[in-house]
Amino acid sequence: MTKPKPANSDPKPKRAQSLLPPSPNAATNLLIADIVVRGASSLFRKGVEKRVVEKTAKDSEQAQHLLDGRSIITTLALYGASKMATKSPVGLGLVAGGLVLKTLYDRGKDRQQRRRKQAE
């Protein structure tokens, strides 16, 4: 047998008092959270980019050029590819497939250059 609920029971669970949002306005809190998350992800992305370029670039001058030398077209293309990859599984497949093809192409070119140097 179930117990009857009290007449003044609230169907919404009460908020934990230990978590005080910065503002009573939910839209403001969402805006603050969005800015914090975007800022943190941007710092993380830049750190990862710097480490990857430092490990793979031939010298520090090339690394700095790669980090600072992006054009607007490159930035927009990277943004578009990331949006396509996050919107659908098909988009992710296209972007991942393109990256695999680019990697195989780069390795093939590197292998050709090594063979030419060995032949000389």
N, C-alpha and C. Protein backbone atom coordinates (compact mmCIF):
# COMPACT_ATOMS: atom_id res chain seq x y z
N MET A 1 0.83 -1.17 0.00
CA MET A 1 0.00 0.00 0.00
C MET A 1 0.88 1.25 0.00
N THR A 2 0.61 2.20 -0.89
CA THR A 2 1.43 3.41 -0.99
C THR A 2 0.94 4.46 -0.03
N LYS A 3 1.89 5.24 0.44
CA LYS A 3 1.54 6.32 1.35
C LYS A 3 1.08 7.53 0.54
N PRO A 4 0.05 8.22 0.97
CA PRO A 4 -0.38 9.43 0.27
C PRO A 4 0.64 10.55 0.46
N LYS A 5 0.81 11.35 -0.59
CA LYS A 5 1.73 12.48 -0.53
C LYS A 5 1.08 13.61 0.27
N PRO A 6 1.88 14.39 0.97
CA PRO A 6 1.32 15.55 1.66
C PRO A 6 0.80 16.57 0.65
N ALA A 7 -0.18 17.33 1.05
CA ALA A 7 -0.82 18.29 0.15
C ALA A 7 0.11 19.40 -0.28
N ASN A 8 1.08 19.75 0.53
CA ASN A 8 1.97 20.86 0.17
C ASN A 8 3.29 20.38 -0.42
N SER A 9 3.37 19.15 -0.92
CA SER A 9 4.64 18.66 -1.50
C SER A 9 4.88 19.32 -2.85
N ASP A 10 6.11 19.68 -3.09
CA ASP A 10 6.50 20.37 -4.32
C ASP A 10 7.01 19.31 -5.32
N PRO A 11 6.49 19.27 -6.56
CA PRO A 11 6.95 18.25 -7.51
C PRO A 11 8.39 18.48 -7.98
N LYS A 12 8.88 19.71 -7.93
CA LYS A 12 10.25 20.01 -8.36
C LYS A 12 11.22 19.71 -7.22
N PRO A 13 12.33 19.07 -7.54
CA PRO A 13 13.33 18.86 -6.48
C PRO A 13 13.96 20.20 -6.12
N LYS A 14 14.29 20.36 -4.86
CA LYS A 14 14.90 21.61 -4.41
C LYS A 14 16.36 21.63 -4.79
N ARG A 15 16.88 22.83 -5.10
CA ARG A 15 18.28 23.01 -5.44
C ARG A 15 19.16 22.78 -4.23
N ALA A 16 20.32 22.28 -4.50
CA ALA A 16 21.30 22.14 -3.42
C ALA A 16 21.76 23.53 -3.02
N GLN A 17 21.77 23.79 -1.75
CA GLN A 17 22.15 25.12 -1.28
C GLN A 17 23.65 25.37 -1.41
N SER A 18 24.45 24.31 -1.55
CA SER A 18 25.89 24.50 -1.66
C SER A 18 26.30 25.04 -3.03
N LEU A 19 25.44 24.89 -4.04
CA LEU A 19 25.75 25.37 -5.38
C LEU A 19 25.02 26.68 -5.61
N LEU A 20 25.72 27.77 -5.43
CA LEU A 20 25.12 29.08 -5.64
C LEU A 20 25.55 29.63 -6.98
N PRO A 21 24.62 29.81 -7.90
CA PRO A 21 24.99 30.35 -9.21
C PRO A 21 25.39 31.82 -9.08
N PRO A 22 26.19 32.29 -10.04
CA PRO A 22 26.64 33.68 -9.97
C PRO A 22 25.50 34.71 -10.12
N SER A 23 24.44 34.33 -10.79
CA SER A 23 23.35 35.26 -11.04
C SER A 23 22.02 34.55 -10.86
N PRO A 24 21.00 35.25 -10.45
CA PRO A 24 19.68 34.62 -10.37
C PRO A 24 19.05 34.41 -11.75
N ASN A 25 19.61 35.04 -12.78
CA ASN A 25 19.09 34.92 -14.13
C ASN A 25 19.74 33.72 -14.82
N ALA A 26 18.95 32.76 -15.28
CA ALA A 26 19.48 31.54 -15.89
C ALA A 26 20.23 31.84 -17.19
N ALA A 27 19.76 32.81 -17.97
CA ALA A 27 20.43 33.15 -19.23
C ALA A 27 21.83 33.71 -18.96
N THR A 28 21.97 34.51 -17.92
CA THR A 28 23.28 35.05 -17.56
C THR A 28 24.22 33.94 -17.13
N ASN A 29 23.72 33.00 -16.34
CA ASN A 29 24.54 31.87 -15.90
C ASN A 29 24.99 31.02 -17.08
N LEU A 30 24.10 30.81 -18.05
CA LEU A 30 24.45 30.06 -19.25
C LEU A 30 25.54 30.79 -20.04
N LEU A 31 25.41 32.10 -20.16
CA LEU A 31 26.40 32.91 -20.87
C LEU A 31 27.76 32.82 -20.18
N ILE A 32 27.78 32.91 -18.87
CA ILE A 32 29.03 32.81 -18.11
C ILE A 32 29.66 31.44 -18.31
N ALA A 33 28.86 30.40 -18.20
CA ALA A 33 29.37 29.04 -18.38
C ALA A 33 29.93 28.85 -19.79
N ASP A 34 29.23 29.38 -20.79
CA ASP A 34 29.68 29.26 -22.17
C ASP A 34 31.03 29.95 -22.38
N ILE A 35 31.19 31.13 -21.83
CA ILE A 35 32.45 31.86 -21.96
C ILE A 35 33.58 31.11 -21.27
N VAL A 36 33.32 30.56 -20.09
CA VAL A 36 34.35 29.82 -19.37
C VAL A 36 34.76 28.57 -20.14
N VAL A 37 33.78 27.83 -20.64
CA VAL A 37 34.07 26.59 -21.38
C VAL A 37 34.82 26.90 -22.67
N ARG A 38 34.38 27.92 -23.41
CA ARG A 38 35.07 28.27 -24.65
C ARG A 38 36.49 28.76 -24.39
N GLY A 39 36.67 29.54 -23.34
CA GLY A 39 38.01 30.01 -23.00
C GLY A 39 38.94 28.87 -22.62
N ALA A 40 38.43 27.96 -21.80
CA ALA A 40 39.24 26.82 -21.38
C ALA A 40 39.58 25.92 -22.58
N SER A 41 38.61 25.69 -23.45
CA SER A 41 38.88 24.83 -24.61
C SER A 41 39.85 25.50 -25.57
N SER A 42 39.77 26.82 -25.68
CA SER A 42 40.71 27.53 -26.55
C SER A 42 42.13 27.43 -26.00
N LEU A 43 42.29 27.61 -24.70
CA LEU A 43 43.62 27.48 -24.10
C LEU A 43 44.15 26.06 -24.25
N PHE A 44 43.29 25.08 -24.05
CA PHE A 44 43.70 23.68 -24.21
C PHE A 44 44.11 23.41 -25.65
N ARG A 45 43.30 23.89 -26.62
CA ARG A 45 43.60 23.66 -28.03
C ARG A 45 44.94 24.29 -28.41
N LYS A 46 45.18 25.52 -27.96
CA LYS A 46 46.44 26.19 -28.29
C LYS A 46 47.63 25.46 -27.68
N GLY A 47 47.47 24.94 -26.48
CA GLY A 47 48.54 24.17 -25.85
C GLY A 47 48.85 22.90 -26.61
N VAL A 48 47.81 22.20 -27.03
CA VAL A 48 48.00 20.97 -27.81
C VAL A 48 48.66 21.29 -29.15
N GLU A 49 48.18 22.34 -29.83
CA GLU A 49 48.77 22.73 -31.11
C GLU A 49 50.25 23.03 -30.96
N LYS A 50 50.61 23.77 -29.92
CA LYS A 50 52.00 24.15 -29.71
C LYS A 50 52.87 22.91 -29.48
N ARG A 51 52.40 21.99 -28.65
CA ARG A 51 53.18 20.78 -28.39
C ARG A 51 53.34 19.92 -29.64
N VAL A 52 52.27 19.78 -30.42
CA VAL A 52 52.34 18.97 -31.63
C VAL A 52 53.32 19.58 -32.62
N VAL A 53 53.25 20.89 -32.82
CA VAL A 53 54.14 21.56 -33.78
C VAL A 53 55.59 21.50 -33.30
N GLU A 54 55.82 21.67 -32.00
CA GLU A 54 57.19 21.60 -31.49
C GLU A 54 57.80 20.21 -31.70
N LYS A 55 56.98 19.17 -31.59
CA LYS A 55 57.49 17.80 -31.75
C LYS A 55 57.70 17.43 -33.21
N THR A 56 56.92 18.01 -34.13
CA THR A 56 56.98 17.57 -35.52
C THR A 56 57.68 18.54 -36.46
N ALA A 57 57.85 19.79 -36.08
CA ALA A 57 58.49 20.77 -36.97
C ALA A 57 60.00 20.53 -37.00
N LYS A 58 60.61 20.93 -38.09
CA LYS A 58 62.05 20.72 -38.27
C LYS A 58 62.87 21.63 -37.36
N ASP A 59 62.44 22.88 -37.21
CA ASP A 59 63.14 23.81 -36.33
C ASP A 59 62.14 24.77 -35.70
N SER A 60 62.60 25.59 -34.78
CA SER A 60 61.71 26.49 -34.06
C SER A 60 61.13 27.58 -34.96
N GLU A 61 61.89 27.97 -36.00
CA GLU A 61 61.39 28.99 -36.93
C GLU A 61 60.18 28.47 -37.71
N GLN A 62 60.29 27.22 -38.19
CA GLN A 62 59.17 26.62 -38.91
C GLN A 62 57.97 26.44 -37.98
N ALA A 63 58.23 26.05 -36.74
CA ALA A 63 57.15 25.86 -35.77
C ALA A 63 56.41 27.18 -35.53
N GLN A 64 57.15 28.25 -35.36
CA GLN A 64 56.52 29.55 -35.12
C GLN A 64 55.73 30.00 -36.34
N HIS A 65 56.26 29.75 -37.53
CA HIS A 65 55.55 30.12 -38.76
C HIS A 65 54.24 29.34 -38.88
N LEU A 66 54.27 28.05 -38.54
CA LEU A 66 53.06 27.24 -38.61
C LEU A 66 52.00 27.72 -37.62
N LEU A 67 52.43 28.12 -36.44
CA LEU A 67 51.47 28.57 -35.43
C LEU A 67 50.90 29.95 -35.74
N ASP A 68 51.73 30.84 -36.26
CA ASP A 68 51.29 32.22 -36.50
C ASP A 68 50.84 32.49 -37.92
N GLY A 69 51.17 31.62 -38.87
CA GLY A 69 50.97 31.93 -40.27
C GLY A 69 49.67 31.45 -40.88
N ARG A 70 48.65 31.20 -40.10
CA ARG A 70 47.38 30.75 -40.67
C ARG A 70 46.64 31.92 -41.32
N SER A 71 46.15 31.65 -42.51
CA SER A 71 45.38 32.68 -43.20
C SER A 71 43.92 32.58 -42.77
N ILE A 72 43.14 33.55 -43.18
CA ILE A 72 41.70 33.54 -42.89
C ILE A 72 41.04 32.34 -43.57
N ILE A 73 41.48 32.03 -44.78
CA ILE A 73 40.92 30.89 -45.51
C ILE A 73 41.18 29.58 -44.75
N THR A 74 42.41 29.41 -44.25
CA THR A 74 42.73 28.21 -43.48
C THR A 74 41.90 28.13 -42.22
N THR A 75 41.76 29.23 -41.53
CA THR A 75 40.97 29.27 -40.30
C THR A 75 39.52 28.91 -40.59
N LEU A 76 38.95 29.47 -41.64
CA LEU A 76 37.56 29.15 -41.99
C LEU A 76 37.40 27.69 -42.42
N ALA A 77 38.38 27.16 -43.14
CA ALA A 77 38.31 25.76 -43.56
C ALA A 77 38.38 24.84 -42.35
N LEU A 78 39.25 25.13 -41.40
CA LEU A 78 39.33 24.32 -40.18
C LEU A 78 38.04 24.40 -39.38
N TYR A 79 37.47 25.59 -39.30
CA TYR A 79 36.21 25.76 -38.59
C TYR A 79 35.10 24.96 -39.27
N GLY A 80 35.02 25.06 -40.58
CA GLY A 80 33.99 24.32 -41.33
C GLY A 80 34.14 22.82 -41.19
N ALA A 81 35.38 22.33 -41.25
CA ALA A 81 35.61 20.90 -41.10
C ALA A 81 35.23 20.42 -39.71
N SER A 82 35.55 21.21 -38.70
CA SER A 82 35.20 20.80 -37.34
C SER A 82 33.70 20.82 -37.13
N LYS A 83 33.01 21.78 -37.72
CA LYS A 83 31.55 21.82 -37.61
C LYS A 83 30.92 20.63 -38.34
N MET A 84 31.45 20.31 -39.52
CA MET A 84 30.92 19.18 -40.28
C MET A 84 31.13 17.88 -39.51
N ALA A 85 32.29 17.74 -38.87
CA ALA A 85 32.61 16.51 -38.13
C ALA A 85 31.75 16.36 -36.88
N THR A 86 31.33 17.46 -36.29
CA THR A 86 30.54 17.36 -35.06
C THR A 86 29.04 17.31 -35.29
N LYS A 87 28.59 17.61 -36.49
CA LYS A 87 27.14 17.66 -36.75
C LYS A 87 26.53 16.29 -37.02
N SER A 88 27.28 15.39 -37.67
CA SER A 88 26.69 14.10 -38.04
C SER A 88 27.76 13.04 -38.18
N PRO A 89 27.36 11.79 -38.08
CA PRO A 89 28.33 10.71 -38.29
C PRO A 89 28.88 10.69 -39.72
N VAL A 90 28.07 11.07 -40.68
CA VAL A 90 28.54 11.14 -42.07
C VAL A 90 29.62 12.21 -42.21
N GLY A 91 29.39 13.37 -41.60
CA GLY A 91 30.38 14.44 -41.62
C GLY A 91 31.68 14.02 -40.96
N LEU A 92 31.55 13.32 -39.84
CA LEU A 92 32.74 12.82 -39.15
C LEU A 92 33.50 11.85 -40.04
N GLY A 93 32.77 10.98 -40.74
CA GLY A 93 33.40 10.03 -41.64
C GLY A 93 34.13 10.72 -42.78
N LEU A 94 33.50 11.76 -43.34
CA LEU A 94 34.14 12.50 -44.44
C LEU A 94 35.41 13.20 -43.98
N VAL A 95 35.33 13.86 -42.83
CA VAL A 95 36.50 14.58 -42.32
C VAL A 95 37.61 13.60 -41.95
N ALA A 96 37.26 12.53 -41.24
CA ALA A 96 38.27 11.54 -40.85
C ALA A 96 38.87 10.87 -42.09
N GLY A 97 38.05 10.56 -43.08
CA GLY A 97 38.55 9.97 -44.31
C GLY A 97 39.49 10.91 -45.04
N GLY A 98 39.14 12.18 -45.08
CA GLY A 98 40.02 13.18 -45.70
C GLY A 98 41.35 13.29 -44.98
N LEU A 99 41.32 13.23 -43.65
CA LEU A 99 42.56 13.29 -42.88
C LEU A 99 43.43 12.05 -43.12
N VAL A 100 42.79 10.89 -43.22
CA VAL A 100 43.54 9.67 -43.51
C VAL A 100 44.19 9.77 -44.89
N LEU A 101 43.43 10.23 -45.89
CA LEU A 101 43.99 10.38 -47.23
C LEU A 101 45.15 11.37 -47.26
N LYS A 102 45.01 12.48 -46.55
CA LYS A 102 46.08 13.49 -46.50
C LYS A 102 47.33 12.91 -45.84
N THR A 103 47.14 12.13 -44.78
CA THR A 103 48.27 11.51 -44.10
C THR A 103 48.98 10.52 -45.01
N LEU A 104 48.22 9.70 -45.72
CA LEU A 104 48.82 8.75 -46.65
C LEU A 104 49.55 9.46 -47.78
N TYR A 105 48.99 10.56 -48.28
CA TYR A 105 49.63 11.35 -49.34
C TYR A 105 50.96 11.92 -48.83
N ASP A 106 50.95 12.50 -47.63
CA ASP A 106 52.18 13.07 -47.06
C ASP A 106 53.25 12.01 -46.87
N ARG A 107 52.86 10.84 -46.39
CA ARG A 107 53.83 9.77 -46.19
C ARG A 107 54.41 9.29 -47.52
N GLY A 108 53.56 9.22 -48.53
CA GLY A 108 54.04 8.83 -49.86
C GLY A 108 55.04 9.82 -50.41
N LYS A 109 54.75 11.11 -50.26
CA LYS A 109 55.69 12.14 -50.73
C LYS A 109 57.02 12.05 -49.98
N ASP A 110 56.94 11.82 -48.67
CA ASP A 110 58.16 11.70 -47.86
C ASP A 110 58.97 10.49 -48.30
N ARG A 111 58.31 9.38 -48.59
CA ARG A 111 58.99 8.18 -49.05
C ARG A 111 59.68 8.44 -50.39
N GLN A 112 59.00 9.15 -51.30
CA GLN A 112 59.60 9.48 -52.60
C GLN A 112 60.85 10.33 -52.42
N GLN A 113 60.81 11.31 -51.54
CA GLN A 113 61.96 12.17 -51.31
C GLN A 113 63.13 11.38 -50.73
N ARG A 114 62.86 10.47 -49.81
CA ARG A 114 63.94 9.64 -49.24
C ARG A 114 64.57 8.74 -50.30
N ARG A 115 63.75 8.19 -51.19
CA ARG A 115 64.28 7.33 -52.26
C ARG A 115 65.15 8.12 -53.21
N ARG A 116 64.73 9.35 -53.55
CA ARG A 116 65.54 10.21 -54.42
C ARG A 116 66.88 10.53 -53.79
N LYS A 117 66.87 10.83 -52.48
CA LYS A 117 68.14 11.14 -51.81
C LYS A 117 69.04 9.92 -51.75
N GLN A 118 68.47 8.74 -51.57
CA GLN A 118 69.29 7.53 -51.52
C GLN A 118 69.86 7.20 -52.90
N ALA A 119 69.11 7.52 -53.96
CA ALA A 119 69.56 7.24 -55.32
C ALA A 119 70.71 8.15 -55.72
N GLU A 120 70.81 9.32 -55.12
CA GLU A 120 71.87 10.28 -55.50
C GLU A 120 73.20 9.95 -54.95
